[in-house]
PDB file of N, CA and C in Angstrom:
ATOM      1  N   MET A   1       0.901  -1.297   0.088  1.00  0.00           N
ATOM      2  CA  MET A   1      -0.062  -0.018   0.050  1.00  0.00           C
ATOM      3  C   MET A   1       0.879   1.028  -0.302  1.00  0.00           C
ATOM      4  N   GLN A   2       0.487   2.196  -1.495  1.00  0.00           N
ATOM      5  CA  GLN A   2       1.732   2.547  -1.080  1.00  0.00           C
ATOM      6  C   GLN A   2       0.687   4.526  -0.900  1.00  0.00           C
ATOM      7  N   THR A   3       1.106   5.349  -0.037  1.00  0.00           N
ATOM      8  CA  THR A   3       0.886   6.546   0.620  1.00  0.00           C
ATOM      9  C   THR A   3       1.557   7.768   0.058  1.00  0.00           C
ATOM     10  N   ARG A   4       1.269   8.741   0.031  1.00  0.00           N
ATOM     11  CA  ARG A   4       1.779  10.089  -0.593  1.00  0.00           C
ATOM     12  C   ARG A   4       2.794  10.545   0.347  1.00  0.00           C
ATOM     13  N   ASN A   5       3.107   9.573   1.264  1.00  0.00           N
ATOM     14  CA  ASN A   5       4.530  10.267   2.049  1.00  0.00           C
ATOM     15  C   ASN A   5       5.086   9.042   1.876  1.00  0.00           C
ATOM     16  N   PRO A   6       6.516   9.429   1.530  1.00  0.00           N
ATOM     17  CA  PRO A   6       7.492   8.111   1.385  1.00  0.00           C
ATOM     18  C   PRO A   6       7.974   7.617   2.504  1.00  0.00           C
ATOM     19  N   PHE A   7       8.006   8.429   3.308  1.00  0.00           N
ATOM     20  CA  PHE A   7       8.595   8.391   4.607  1.00  0.00           C
ATOM     21  C   PHE A   7       8.256   7.179   5.803  1.00  0.00           C
ATOM     22  N   ILE A   8       6.498   7.195   5.650  1.00  0.00           N
ATOM     23  CA  ILE A   8       5.535   6.283   5.808  1.00  0.00           C
ATOM     24  C   ILE A   8       5.669   5.030   5.030  1.00  0.00           C
ATOM     25  N   ASP A   9       6.337   5.541   3.656  1.00  0.00           N
ATOM     26  CA  ASP A   9       6.077   4.124   3.012  1.00  0.00           C
ATOM     27  C   ASP A   9       7.299   3.119   3.744  1.00  0.00           C
ATOM     28  N   ASP A  10       8.321   4.164   3.759  1.00  0.00           N
ATOM     29  CA  ASP A  10       9.514   3.140   4.262  1.00  0.00           C
ATOM     30  C   ASP A  10       9.248   2.745   5.183  1.00  0.00           C
ATOM     31  N   LEU A  11       9.164   3.451   6.329  1.00  0.00           N
ATOM     32  CA  LEU A  11       8.766   2.558   8.119  1.00  0.00           C
ATOM     33  C   LEU A  11       7.619   1.551   7.864  1.00  0.00           C
ATOM     34  N   THR A  12       6.734   1.831   7.047  1.00  0.00           N
ATOM     35  CA  THR A  12       6.101   0.039   6.787  1.00  0.00           C
ATOM     36  C   THR A  12       6.930  -1.022   5.914  1.00  0.00           C
ATOM     37  N   LYS A  13       7.704  -0.461   5.291  1.00  0.00           N
ATOM     38  CA  LYS A  13       8.785  -1.693   4.449  1.00  0.00           C
ATOM     39  C   LYS A  13       9.816  -2.405   5.856  1.00  0.00           C
ATOM     40  N   MET A  14      10.396  -1.175   6.830  1.00  0.00           N
ATOM     41  CA  MET A  14      11.312  -1.635   7.362  1.00  0.00           C
ATOM     42  C   MET A  14      10.527  -2.721   8.831  1.00  0.00           C
ATOM     43  N   ALA A  15       9.356  -1.659   8.890  1.00  0.00           N
ATOM     44  CA  ALA A  15       8.061  -2.784   9.944  1.00  0.00           C
ATOM     45  C   ALA A  15       7.686  -4.305   9.560  1.00  0.00           C
ATOM     46  N   ASN A  16       7.567  -4.636   8.384  1.00  0.00           N
ATOM     47  CA  ASN A  16       7.192  -5.619   7.281  1.00  0.00           C
ATOM     48  C   ASN A  16       8.522  -6.370   7.459  1.00  0.00           C
ATOM     49  N   GLY A  17       9.284  -5.861   6.988  1.00  0.00           N
ATOM     50  CA  GLY A  17      11.240  -6.442   7.226  1.00  0.00           C
ATOM     51  C   GLY A  17      11.567  -7.096   8.514  1.00  0.00           C
ATOM     52  N   ALA A  18      11.333  -6.261   9.661  1.00  0.00           N
ATOM     53  CA  ALA A  18      12.113  -6.767  10.697  1.00  0.00           C
ATOM     54  C   ALA A  18      10.763  -7.522  11.635  1.00  0.00           C
ATOM     55  N   MET A  19       9.394  -7.938  10.796  1.00  0.00           N
ATOM     56  CA  MET A  19       8.598  -8.404  11.361  1.00  0.00           C
ATOM     57  C   MET A  19       9.202 -10.325  10.886  1.00  0.00           C
ATOM     58  N   GLY A  20       9.167  -9.956  10.024  1.00  0.00           N
ATOM     59  CA  GLY A  20       9.437 -11.149   8.930  1.00  0.00           C
ATOM     60  C   GLY A  20      11.258 -11.825   9.331  1.00  0.00           C
ATOM     61  N   ALA A  21      12.046 -10.550  10.044  1.00  0.00           N
ATOM     62  CA  ALA A  21      13.094 -11.498  10.202  1.00  0.00           C
ATOM     63  C   ALA A  21      12.598 -12.159  12.316  1.00  0.00           C
ATOM     64  N   LEU A  22      12.377 -11.715  13.030  1.00  0.00           N
ATOM     65  CA  LEU A  22      11.409 -11.880  14.140  1.00  0.00           C
ATOM     66  C   LEU A  22      11.107 -12.998  13.874  1.00  0.00           C
ATOM     67  N   SER A  23      10.400 -13.505  13.170  1.00  0.00           N
ATOM     68  CA  SER A  23       9.423 -14.691  12.618  1.00  0.00           C
ATOM     69  C   SER A  23      10.881 -15.717  12.178  1.00  0.00           C
ATOM     70  N   GLY A  24      11.686 -15.030  11.567  1.00  0.00           N
ATOM     71  CA  GLY A  24      12.470 -16.174  11.018  1.00  0.00           C
ATOM     72  C   GLY A  24      13.323 -16.450  12.810  1.00  0.00           C
ATOM     73  N   VAL A  25      13.873 -15.784  13.659  1.00  0.00           N
ATOM     74  CA  VAL A  25      14.357 -16.088  14.685  1.00  0.00           C
ATOM     75  C   VAL A  25      13.472 -16.723  15.252  1.00  0.00           C
ATOM     76  N   LYS A  26      12.036 -16.576  15.552  1.00  0.00           N
ATOM     77  CA  LYS A  26      11.491 -17.275  16.612  1.00  0.00           C
ATOM     78  C   LYS A  26      11.442 -18.890  16.458  1.00  0.00           C
ATOM     79  N   ASP A  27      10.813 -19.134  15.099  1.00  0.00           N
ATOM     80  CA  ASP A  27      11.669 -20.445  14.372  1.00  0.00           C
ATOM     81  C   ASP A  27      12.279 -21.237  14.814  1.00  0.00           C
ATOM     82  N   GLU A  28      13.462 -20.410  14.700  1.00  0.00           N
ATOM     83  CA  GLU A  28      15.298 -20.871  15.199  1.00  0.00           C
ATOM     84  C   GLU A  28      15.201 -21.276  16.142  1.00  0.00           C
ATOM     85  N   VAL A  29      14.485 -20.281  17.333  1.00  0.00           N
ATOM     86  CA  VAL A  29      14.440 -20.218  18.578  1.00  0.00           C
ATOM     87  C   VAL A  29      14.096 -22.011  18.910  1.00  0.00           C
ATOM     88  N   GLU A  30      12.811 -21.572  18.331  1.00  0.00           N
ATOM     89  CA  GLU A  30      12.033 -22.869  18.828  1.00  0.00           C
ATOM     90  C   GLU A  30      12.579 -23.849  18.665  1.00  0.00           C
ATOM     91  N   ALA A  31      13.536 -23.989  17.259  1.00  0.00           N
ATOM     92  CA  ALA A  31      13.936 -25.555  16.993  1.00  0.00           C
ATOM     93  C   ALA A  31      14.867 -26.354  17.982  1.00  0.00           C
ATOM     94  N   ARG A  32      15.808 -25.074  18.143  1.00  0.00           N
ATOM     95  CA  ARG A  32      16.735 -25.239  18.838  1.00  0.00           C
ATOM     96  C   ARG A  32      16.078 -25.688  20.322  1.00  0.00           C
ATOM     97  N   VAL A  33      15.141 -25.175  20.756  1.00  0.00           N
ATOM     98  CA  VAL A  33      14.758 -25.442  22.471  1.00  0.00           C
ATOM     99  C   VAL A  33      14.248 -26.800  22.218  1.00  0.00           C
ATOM    100  N   ARG A  34      13.500 -27.358  21.125  1.00  0.00           N
ATOM    101  CA  ARG A  34      13.386 -28.819  20.773  1.00  0.00           C
ATOM    102  C   ARG A  34      13.916 -29.591  21.001  1.00  0.00           C
ATOM    103  N   ASP A  35      15.496 -29.115  20.047  1.00  0.00           N
ATOM    104  CA  ASP A  35      16.458 -30.185  19.659  1.00  0.00           C
ATOM    105  C   ASP A  35      17.301 -30.115  21.184  1.00  0.00           C
ATOM    106  N   GLN A  36      17.216 -29.275  22.070  1.00  0.00           N
ATOM    107  CA  GLN A  36      17.948 -29.476  23.467  1.00  0.00           C
ATOM    108  C   GLN A  36      17.068 -30.757  24.443  1.00  0.00           C
ATOM    109  N   ILE A  37      15.677 -29.906  24.128  1.00  0.00           N
ATOM    110  CA  ILE A  37      15.022 -30.608  25.150  1.00  0.00           C
ATOM    111  C   ILE A  37      15.240 -32.746  24.600  1.00  0.00           C
ATOM    112  N   ALA A  38      15.232 -32.238  23.106  1.00  0.00           N
ATOM    113  CA  ALA A  38      15.045 -33.684  23.136  1.00  0.00           C
ATOM    114  C   ALA A  38      16.754 -34.834  23.555  1.00  0.00           C
ATOM    115  N   LYS A  39      17.452 -34.332  23.469  1.00  0.00           N
ATOM    116  CA  LYS A  39      18.502 -34.350  23.745  1.00  0.00           C
ATOM    117  C   LYS A  39      19.014 -34.230  25.845  1.00  0.00           C
ATOM    118  N   ILE A  40      17.779 -33.723  26.143  1.00  0.00           N
ATOM    119  CA  ILE A  40      17.748 -33.986  27.583  1.00  0.00           C
ATOM    120  C   ILE A  40      17.438 -35.475  27.942  1.00  0.00           C
ATOM    121  N   LEU A  41      16.350 -35.615  27.532  1.00  0.00           N
ATOM    122  CA  LEU A  41      15.218 -36.716  27.410  1.00  0.00           C
ATOM    123  C   LEU A  41      15.839 -37.512  27.056  1.00  0.00           C
ATOM    124  N   ASP A  42      16.452 -37.963  25.772  1.00  0.00           N
ATOM    125  CA  ASP A  42      17.357 -38.965  25.683  1.00  0.00           C
ATOM    126  C   ASP A  42      17.869 -39.185  27.009  1.00  0.00           C
ATOM    127  N   GLY A  43      19.090 -38.429  27.339  1.00  0.00           N
ATOM    128  CA  GLY A  43      20.019 -38.599  28.329  1.00  0.00           C
ATOM    129  C   GLY A  43      19.247 -39.302  29.640  1.00  0.00           C
ATOM    130  N   MET A  44      18.095 -38.603  30.143  1.00  0.00           N
ATOM    131  CA  MET A  44      17.367 -39.089  31.147  1.00  0.00           C
ATOM    132  C   MET A  44      16.707 -40.609  30.924  1.00  0.00           C
ATOM    133  N   ASN A  45      17.008 -41.407  29.689  1.00  0.00           N
ATOM    134  CA  ASN A  45      16.485 -42.336  29.671  1.00  0.00           C
ATOM    135  C   ASN A  45      15.077 -43.062  30.114  1.00  0.00           C
ATOM    136  N   VAL A  46      14.522 -41.682  29.367  1.00  0.00           N
ATOM    137  CA  VAL A  46      12.768 -41.869  29.941  1.00  0.00           C
ATOM    138  C   VAL A  46      12.082 -43.130  29.208  1.00  0.00           C
ATOM    139  N   PRO A  47      11.185 -43.877  29.523  1.00  0.00           N
ATOM    140  CA  PRO A  47      10.677 -44.724  28.469  1.00  0.00           C
ATOM    141  C   PRO A  47       9.576 -43.713  27.312  1.00  0.00           C
ATOM    142  N   ARG A  48       9.472 -44.687  26.369  1.00  0.00           N
ATOM    143  CA  ARG A  48       8.801 -43.297  25.581  1.00  0.00           C
ATOM    144  C   ARG A  48       7.275 -43.892  25.933  1.00  0.00           C
ATOM    145  N   ARG A  49       5.472 -43.195  25.147  1.00  0.00           N
ATOM    146  CA  ARG A  49       4.706 -43.546  26.063  1.00  0.00           C
ATOM    147  C   ARG A  49       4.424 -45.215  25.813  1.00  0.00           C
ATOM    148  N   ASP A  50       4.584 -45.623  24.320  1.00  0.00           N
ATOM    149  CA  ASP A  50       4.161 -46.930  24.123  1.00  0.00           C
ATOM    150  C   ASP A  50       4.800 -47.836  25.276  1.00  0.00           C
ATOM    151  N   GLU A  51       5.967 -47.596  25.395  1.00  0.00           N
ATOM    152  CA  GLU A  51       6.255 -48.224  26.759  1.00  0.00           C
ATOM    153  C   GLU A  51       5.775 -48.276  27.700  1.00  0.00           C
ATOM    154  N   PHE A  52       5.533 -47.123  28.441  1.00  0.00           N
ATOM    155  CA  PHE A  52       4.814 -46.971  29.246  1.00  0.00           C
ATOM    156  C   PHE A  52       3.508 -47.242  29.620  1.00  0.00           C
ATOM    157  N   ASP A  53       2.615 -47.298  28.667  1.00  0.00           N
ATOM    158  CA  ASP A  53       1.476 -48.108  28.437  1.00  0.00           C
ATOM    159  C   ASP A  53       1.106 -49.552  28.377  1.00  0.00           C
ATOM    160  N   ALA A  54       2.549 -49.992  27.705  1.00  0.00           N
ATOM    161  CA  ALA A  54       2.399 -51.284  27.811  1.00  0.00           C
ATOM    162  C   ALA A  54       2.886 -52.174  29.236  1.00  0.00           C
ATOM    163  N   VAL A  55       3.861 -51.576  29.766  1.00  0.00           N
ATOM    164  CA  VAL A  55       4.086 -52.067  30.666  1.00  0.00           C
ATOM    165  C   VAL A  55       3.391 -51.606  32.152  1.00  0.00           C
ATOM    166  N   LYS A  56       2.613 -50.199  31.887  1.00  0.00           N
ATOM    167  CA  LYS A  56       1.124 -50.420  32.879  1.00  0.00           C
ATOM    168  C   LYS A  56      -0.191 -51.539  32.989  1.00  0.00           C
ATOM    169  N   ALA A  57      -0.203 -51.716  31.516  1.00  0.00           N
ATOM    170  CA  ALA A  57      -0.702 -53.100  30.954  1.00  0.00           C
ATOM    171  C   ALA A  57      -0.675 -54.136  31.858  1.00  0.00           C
ATOM    172  N   MET A  58       0.868 -54.493  31.744  1.00  0.00           N
ATOM    173  CA  MET A  58       1.470 -55.613  32.314  1.00  0.00           C
ATOM    174  C   MET A  58       1.040 -55.137  33.705  1.00  0.00           C
ATOM    175  N   ALA A  59       1.157 -54.222  34.674  1.00  0.00           N
ATOM    176  CA  ALA A  59       0.896 -54.373  36.080  1.00  0.00           C
ATOM    177  C   ALA A  59      -0.353 -54.148  36.383  1.00  0.00           C
ATOM    178  N   ALA A  60      -1.262 -53.728  35.469  1.00  0.00           N
ATOM    179  CA  ALA A  60      -2.918 -54.317  36.058  1.00  0.00           C
ATOM    180  C   ALA A  60      -3.131 -55.864  35.638  1.00  0.00           C
ATOM    181  N   LYS A  61      -2.636 -56.258  34.812  1.00  0.00           N
ATOM    182  CA  LYS A  61      -2.839 -57.686  34.346  1.00  0.00           C
ATOM    183  C   LYS A  61      -2.243 -58.738  36.105  1.00  0.00           C
ATOM    184  N   ALA A  62      -0.906 -58.256  36.400  1.00  0.00           N
ATOM    185  CA  ALA A  62      -0.507 -58.560  37.453  1.00  0.00           C
ATOM    186  C   ALA A  62      -1.451 -58.756  38.452  1.00  0.00           C
ATOM    187  N   ARG A  63      -1.772 -57.388  38.777  1.00  0.00           N
ATOM    188  CA  ARG A  63      -2.852 -57.286  40.345  1.00  0.00           C
ATOM    189  C   ARG A  63      -4.335 -58.156  39.819  1.00  0.00           C
ATOM    190  N   GLU A  64      -4.447 -58.098  38.812  1.00  0.00           N
ATOM    191  CA  GLU A  64      -5.677 -58.779  38.421  1.00  0.00           C
ATOM    192  C   GLU A  64      -5.752 -60.544  39.002  1.00  0.00           C
ATOM    193  N   GLU A  65      -4.433 -61.198  38.508  1.00  0.00           N
ATOM    194  CA  GLU A  65      -3.982 -61.917  38.793  1.00  0.00           C
ATOM    195  C   GLU A  65      -3.377 -62.525  40.293  1.00  0.00           C
ATOM    196  N   ASN A  66      -2.880 -61.990  40.856  1.00  0.00           N
ATOM    197  CA  ASN A  66      -2.766 -61.334  42.284  1.00  0.00           C
ATOM    198  C   ASN A  66      -3.651 -61.680  42.971  1.00  0.00           C
ATOM    199  N   GLU A  67      -5.183 -60.991  42.448  1.00  0.00           N
ATOM    200  CA  GLU A  67      -6.294 -60.930  43.697  1.00  0.00           C
ATOM    201  C   GLU A  67      -7.363 -62.016  43.543  1.00  0.00           C
ATOM    202  N   GLU A  68      -6.863 -62.842  42.258  1.00  0.00           N
ATOM    203  CA  GLU A  68      -7.181 -63.559  41.809  1.00  0.00           C
ATOM    204  C   GLU A  68      -6.723 -65.467  42.460  1.00  0.00           C
ATOM    205  N   LEU A  69      -5.086 -65.265  42.826  1.00  0.00           N
ATOM    206  CA  LEU A  69      -4.716 -65.884  43.914  1.00  0.00           C
ATOM    207  C   LEU A  69      -4.857 -65.910  44.741  1.00  0.00           C
ATOM    208  N   ARG A  70      -4.857 -64.828  45.524  1.00  0.00           N
ATOM    209  CA  ARG A  70      -5.253 -64.270  46.776  1.00  0.00           C
ATOM    210  C   ARG A  70      -6.978 -65.479  47.172  1.00  0.00           C
ATOM    211  N   LYS A  71      -7.364 -65.139  46.577  1.00  0.00           N
ATOM    212  CA  LYS A  71      -8.992 -65.499  46.761  1.00  0.00           C
ATOM    213  C   LYS A  71      -8.986 -67.248  46.875  1.00  0.00           C
ATOM    214  N   GLN A  72      -8.041 -67.748  45.652  1.00  0.00           N
ATOM    215  CA  GLN A  72      -7.655 -69.429  45.475  1.00  0.00           C
ATOM    216  C   GLN A  72      -7.564 -69.991  47.018  1.00  0.00           C
ATOM    217  N   ILE A  73      -6.170 -69.011  47.544  1.00  0.00           N
ATOM    218  CA  ILE A  73      -5.509 -69.384  48.791  1.00  0.00           C
ATOM    219  C   ILE A  73      -6.230 -69.351  49.366  1.00  0.00           C
ATOM    220  N   ALA A  74      -7.335 -68.209  49.739  1.00  0.00           N
ATOM    221  CA  ALA A  74      -8.170 -68.170  50.555  1.00  0.00           C
ATOM    222  C   ALA A  74      -8.628 -69.152  51.200  1.00  0.00           C
ATOM    223  N   GLU A  75      -9.522 -69.782  49.764  1.00  0.00           N
ATOM    224  CA  GLU A  75     -10.583 -71.231  49.462  1.00  0.00           C
ATOM    225  C   GLU A  75      -9.746 -72.499  50.129  1.00  0.00           C
ATOM    226  N   LEU A  76      -7.985 -72.233  49.634  1.00  0.00           N
ATOM    227  CA  LEU A  76      -7.860 -73.996  50.540  1.00  0.00           C
ATOM    228  C   LEU A  76      -7.356 -73.806  51.480  1.00  0.00           C
ATOM    229  N   GLN A  77      -7.092 -72.196  51.847  1.00  0.00           N
ATOM    230  CA  GLN A  77      -7.047 -72.589  53.223  1.00  0.00           C
ATOM    231  C   GLN A  77      -8.128 -72.894  54.584  1.00  0.00           C
ATOM    232  N   ALA A  78      -9.922 -72.131  54.009  1.00  0.00           N
ATOM    233  CA  ALA A  78     -10.449 -72.648  54.500  1.00  0.00           C
ATOM    234  C   ALA A  78     -10.949 -74.345  54.284  1.00  0.00           C
ATOM    235  N   LYS A  79     -10.631 -75.124  53.102  1.00  0.00           N
ATOM    236  CA  LYS A  79     -11.147 -76.394  53.268  1.00  0.00           C
ATOM    237  C   LYS A  79      -9.905 -76.920  53.991  1.00  0.00           C
ATOM    238  N   LEU A  80      -8.892 -76.620  53.855  1.00  0.00           N
ATOM    239  CA  LEU A  80      -7.564 -76.976  55.164  1.00  0.00           C
ATOM    240  C   LEU A  80      -8.134 -77.343  56.716  1.00  0.00           C
ATOM    241  N   GLY A  81      -8.473 -75.972  56.557  1.00  0.00           N
ATOM    242  CA  GLY A  81      -8.909 -75.595  57.583  1.00  0.00           C
ATOM    243  C   GLY A  81     -10.290 -76.241  58.117  1.00  0.00           C
ATOM    244  N   GLY A  82     -11.146 -76.885  57.588  1.00  0.00           N
ATOM    245  CA  GLY A  82     -12.510 -76.895  57.833  1.00  0.00           C
ATOM    246  C   GLY A  82     -12.163 -78.843  57.962  1.00  0.00           C
ATOM    247  N   ASN A  83     -10.961 -79.511  57.621  1.00  0.00           N
ATOM    248  CA  ASN A  83     -10.925 -80.724  57.552  1.00  0.00           C
ATOM    249  C   ASN A  83     -10.294 -81.145  58.891  1.00  0.00           C
ATOM    250  N   GLY A  84      -9.919 -80.145  59.892  1.00  0.00           N
ATOM    251  CA  GLY A  84      -9.702 -80.318  61.084  1.00  0.00           C
ATOM    252  C   GLY A  84      -8.109 -80.433  61.172  1.00  0.00           C
ATOM    253  N   ALA A  85      -7.038 -80.036  59.768  1.00  0.00           N
ATOM    254  CA  ALA A  85      -6.032 -80.289  59.841  1.00  0.00           C
ATOM    255  C   ALA A  85      -5.000 -79.071  60.244  1.00  0.00           C
TER     256      ALA A  85
END
């Protein structure tokens, strides 16, 4: 958009250029921060989400199996106790 005042036109061009440069800097900073976070997490040996979900499912299944075994043990103890043993 051209105006009659070249000074305003020049300021507009400078502002547009500065905004473009800032946008590029912002993108570069975000990329570097993501890279640094990835390096930190790799060094921490943090499990991936799918690994966490698999272990969580195994733990839930183990708890269910343990509860079933407790019931069976209680039933066997009741039978043994009832026979005078």
